Amino acid sequence: MQQPGKPWWKFPHVWLVIAGPALVVVAGLVTFWIAVHNPDPVVDEDYYRKGIEINKTLQNPEMSFAPALKSRNHSATPQEDQPSLKPE
């Protein structure tokens, strides 16, 4: 006569199978909690108009970011490669 087997919860492989989906559910709940308590800012209702204004600013050479980029690139140039300000 066979003895009855162990209950299902006493087999370690069962817990490995259950642990994966359980961890995913817990991670989903934590992600939901983070999303509810730290919402992203709403996109501005005038985002299209502001984007058009930025494009116009970038196309206008007087209001462009070119001077800032030129200064940044100039400051990164080694001293011996910088042009001299004295007339030669």
C-alpha atoms as a PDB file:
ATOM      1  CA  MET A   1       0.000   0.000   0.000  1.00  0.00           C
ATOM      2  CA  GLN A   2       1.344   3.448  -0.955  1.00  0.00           C
ATOM      3  CA  GLN A   3       1.659   6.203   1.547  1.00  0.00           C
ATOM      4  CA  PRO A   4       0.037   9.482   0.636  1.00  0.00           C
ATOM      5  CA  GLY A   5       2.425  12.084  -0.910  1.00  0.00           C
ATOM      6  CA  LYS A   6       3.472  15.327   0.640  1.00  0.00           C
ATOM      7  CA  PRO A   7       1.177  18.356   0.293  1.00  0.00           C
ATOM      8  CA  TRP A   8       1.897  20.609  -2.722  1.00  0.00           C
ATOM      9  CA  TRP A   9       3.302  23.471  -0.650  1.00  0.00           C
ATOM     10  CA  LYS A  10       6.135  21.293   0.611  1.00  0.00           C
ATOM     11  CA  PHE A  11       7.702  20.958  -2.855  1.00  0.00           C
ATOM     12  CA  PRO A  12      10.301  23.718  -3.518  1.00  0.00           C
ATOM     13  CA  HIS A  13       9.745  23.679  -7.282  1.00  0.00           C
ATOM     14  CA  VAL A  14       6.153  24.750  -6.798  1.00  0.00           C
ATOM     15  CA  TRP A  15       7.355  27.881  -5.008  1.00  0.00           C
ATOM     16  CA  LEU A  16       9.767  28.644  -7.855  1.00  0.00           C
ATOM     17  CA  VAL A  17       6.880  28.483 -10.312  1.00  0.00           C
ATOM     18  CA  ILE A  18       4.654  30.671  -8.123  1.00  0.00           C
ATOM     19  CA  ALA A  19       7.407  33.175  -7.227  1.00  0.00           C
ATOM     20  CA  GLY A  20       7.900  34.519 -10.788  1.00  0.00           C
ATOM     21  CA  PRO A  21       4.342  35.690 -11.423  1.00  0.00           C
ATOM     22  CA  ALA A  22       3.981  36.825  -7.798  1.00  0.00           C
ATOM     23  CA  LEU A  23       7.044  39.073  -8.125  1.00  0.00           C
ATOM     24  CA  VAL A  24       5.684  40.517 -11.366  1.00  0.00           C
ATOM     25  CA  VAL A  25       2.389  41.355  -9.675  1.00  0.00           C
ATOM     26  CA  VAL A  26       4.189  43.009  -6.754  1.00  0.00           C
ATOM     27  CA  ALA A  27       6.433  44.985  -9.133  1.00  0.00           C
ATOM     28  CA  GLY A  28       3.352  46.118 -11.068  1.00  0.00           C
ATOM     29  CA  LEU A  29       1.664  47.306  -7.885  1.00  0.00           C
ATOM     30  CA  VAL A  30       4.816  49.184  -6.811  1.00  0.00           C
ATOM     31  CA  THR A  31       5.058  50.795 -10.252  1.00  0.00           C
ATOM     32  CA  PHE A  32       1.400  51.805 -10.076  1.00  0.00           C
ATOM     33  CA  TRP A  33       1.944  53.316  -6.619  1.00  0.00           C
ATOM     34  CA  ILE A  34       4.955  55.304  -7.861  1.00  0.00           C
ATOM     35  CA  ALA A  35       3.001  56.534 -10.895  1.00  0.00           C
ATOM     36  CA  VAL A  36       0.064  57.676  -8.768  1.00  0.00           C
ATOM     37  CA  HIS A  37       2.186  59.472  -6.180  1.00  0.00           C
ATOM     38  CA  ASN A  38       4.665  61.075  -8.654  1.00  0.00           C
ATOM     39  CA  PRO A  39       2.645  62.073 -11.741  1.00  0.00           C
ATOM     40  CA  ASP A  40       4.401  63.497 -14.784  1.00  0.00           C
ATOM     41  CA  PRO A  41       3.666  67.131 -15.565  1.00  0.00           C
ATOM     42  CA  VAL A  42       0.908  67.728 -18.078  1.00  0.00           C
ATOM     43  CA  VAL A  43       2.012  68.817 -21.536  1.00  0.00           C
ATOM     44  CA  ASP A  44       1.424  72.529 -22.012  1.00  0.00           C
ATOM     45  CA  GLU A  45      -1.701  73.242 -24.051  1.00  0.00           C
ATOM     46  CA  ASP A  46       0.285  75.689 -26.209  1.00  0.00           C
ATOM     47  CA  TYR A  47       3.070  73.228 -27.004  1.00  0.00           C
ATOM     48  CA  TYR A  48       2.660  73.580 -30.787  1.00  0.00           C
ATOM     49  CA  ARG A  49       2.834  77.391 -30.758  1.00  0.00           C
ATOM     50  CA  LYS A  50       5.859  77.336 -28.443  1.00  0.00           C
ATOM     51  CA  GLY A  51       7.595  74.852 -30.736  1.00  0.00           C
ATOM     52  CA  ILE A  52       6.993  77.119 -33.742  1.00  0.00           C
ATOM     53  CA  GLU A  53       8.444  80.068 -31.783  1.00  0.00           C
ATOM     54  CA  ILE A  54      11.540  78.047 -30.890  1.00  0.00           C
ATOM     55  CA  ASN A  55      12.028  77.158 -34.554  1.00  0.00           C
ATOM     56  CA  LYS A  56      11.734  80.831 -35.537  1.00  0.00           C
ATOM     57  CA  THR A  57      14.308  81.742 -32.870  1.00  0.00           C
ATOM     58  CA  LEU A  58      16.720  79.122 -34.156  1.00  0.00           C
ATOM     59  CA  GLN A  59      16.324  80.326 -37.753  1.00  0.00           C
ATOM     60  CA  ASN A  60      16.958  83.984 -36.829  1.00  0.00           C
ATOM     61  CA  PRO A  61      20.752  84.485 -36.702  1.00  0.00           C
ATOM     62  CA  GLU A  62      20.569  87.403 -34.231  1.00  0.00           C
ATOM     63  CA  MET A  63      18.584  85.365 -31.719  1.00  0.00           C
ATOM     64  CA  SER A  64      20.301  82.075 -32.438  1.00  0.00           C
ATOM     65  CA  PHE A  65      22.336  80.012 -30.029  1.00  0.00           C
ATOM     66  CA  ALA A  66      25.328  80.245 -32.378  1.00  0.00           C
ATOM     67  CA  PRO A  67      27.333  82.691 -30.200  1.00  0.00           C
ATOM     68  CA  ALA A  68      27.012  80.373 -27.220  1.00  0.00           C
ATOM     69  CA  LEU A  69      28.062  77.384 -29.293  1.00  0.00           C
ATOM     70  CA  LYS A  70      30.980  79.337 -30.761  1.00  0.00           C
ATOM     71  CA  SER A  71      32.171  80.335 -27.288  1.00  0.00           C
ATOM     72  CA  ARG A  72      31.836  76.797 -26.021  1.00  0.00           C
ATOM     73  CA  ASN A  73      33.823  75.430 -28.939  1.00  0.00           C
ATOM     74  CA  HIS A  74      36.404  78.202 -28.596  1.00  0.00           C
ATOM     75  CA  SER A  75      36.930  77.512 -24.909  1.00  0.00           C
ATOM     76  CA  ALA A  76      37.515  73.836 -25.654  1.00  0.00           C
ATOM     77  CA  THR A  77      40.195  74.639 -28.248  1.00  0.00           C
ATOM     78  CA  PRO A  78      43.772  74.370 -26.994  1.00  0.00           C
ATOM     79  CA  GLN A  79      45.544  77.717 -26.500  1.00  0.00           C
ATOM     80  CA  GLU A  80      48.085  77.152 -29.299  1.00  0.00           C
ATOM     81  CA  ASP A  81      45.289  76.491 -31.828  1.00  0.00           C
ATOM     82  CA  GLN A  82      43.236  79.575 -30.958  1.00  0.00           C
ATOM     83  CA  PRO A  83      43.441  82.477 -33.369  1.00  0.00           C
ATOM     84  CA  SER A  84      45.349  85.466 -32.101  1.00  0.00           C
ATOM     85  CA  LEU A  85      43.559  88.771 -31.664  1.00  0.00           C
ATOM     86  CA  LYS A  86      46.643  90.765 -32.641  1.00  0.00           C
ATOM     87  CA  PRO A  87      46.940  91.751 -36.306  1.00  0.00           C
ATOM     88  CA  GLU A  88      49.863  90.087 -37.972  1.00  0.00           C
END
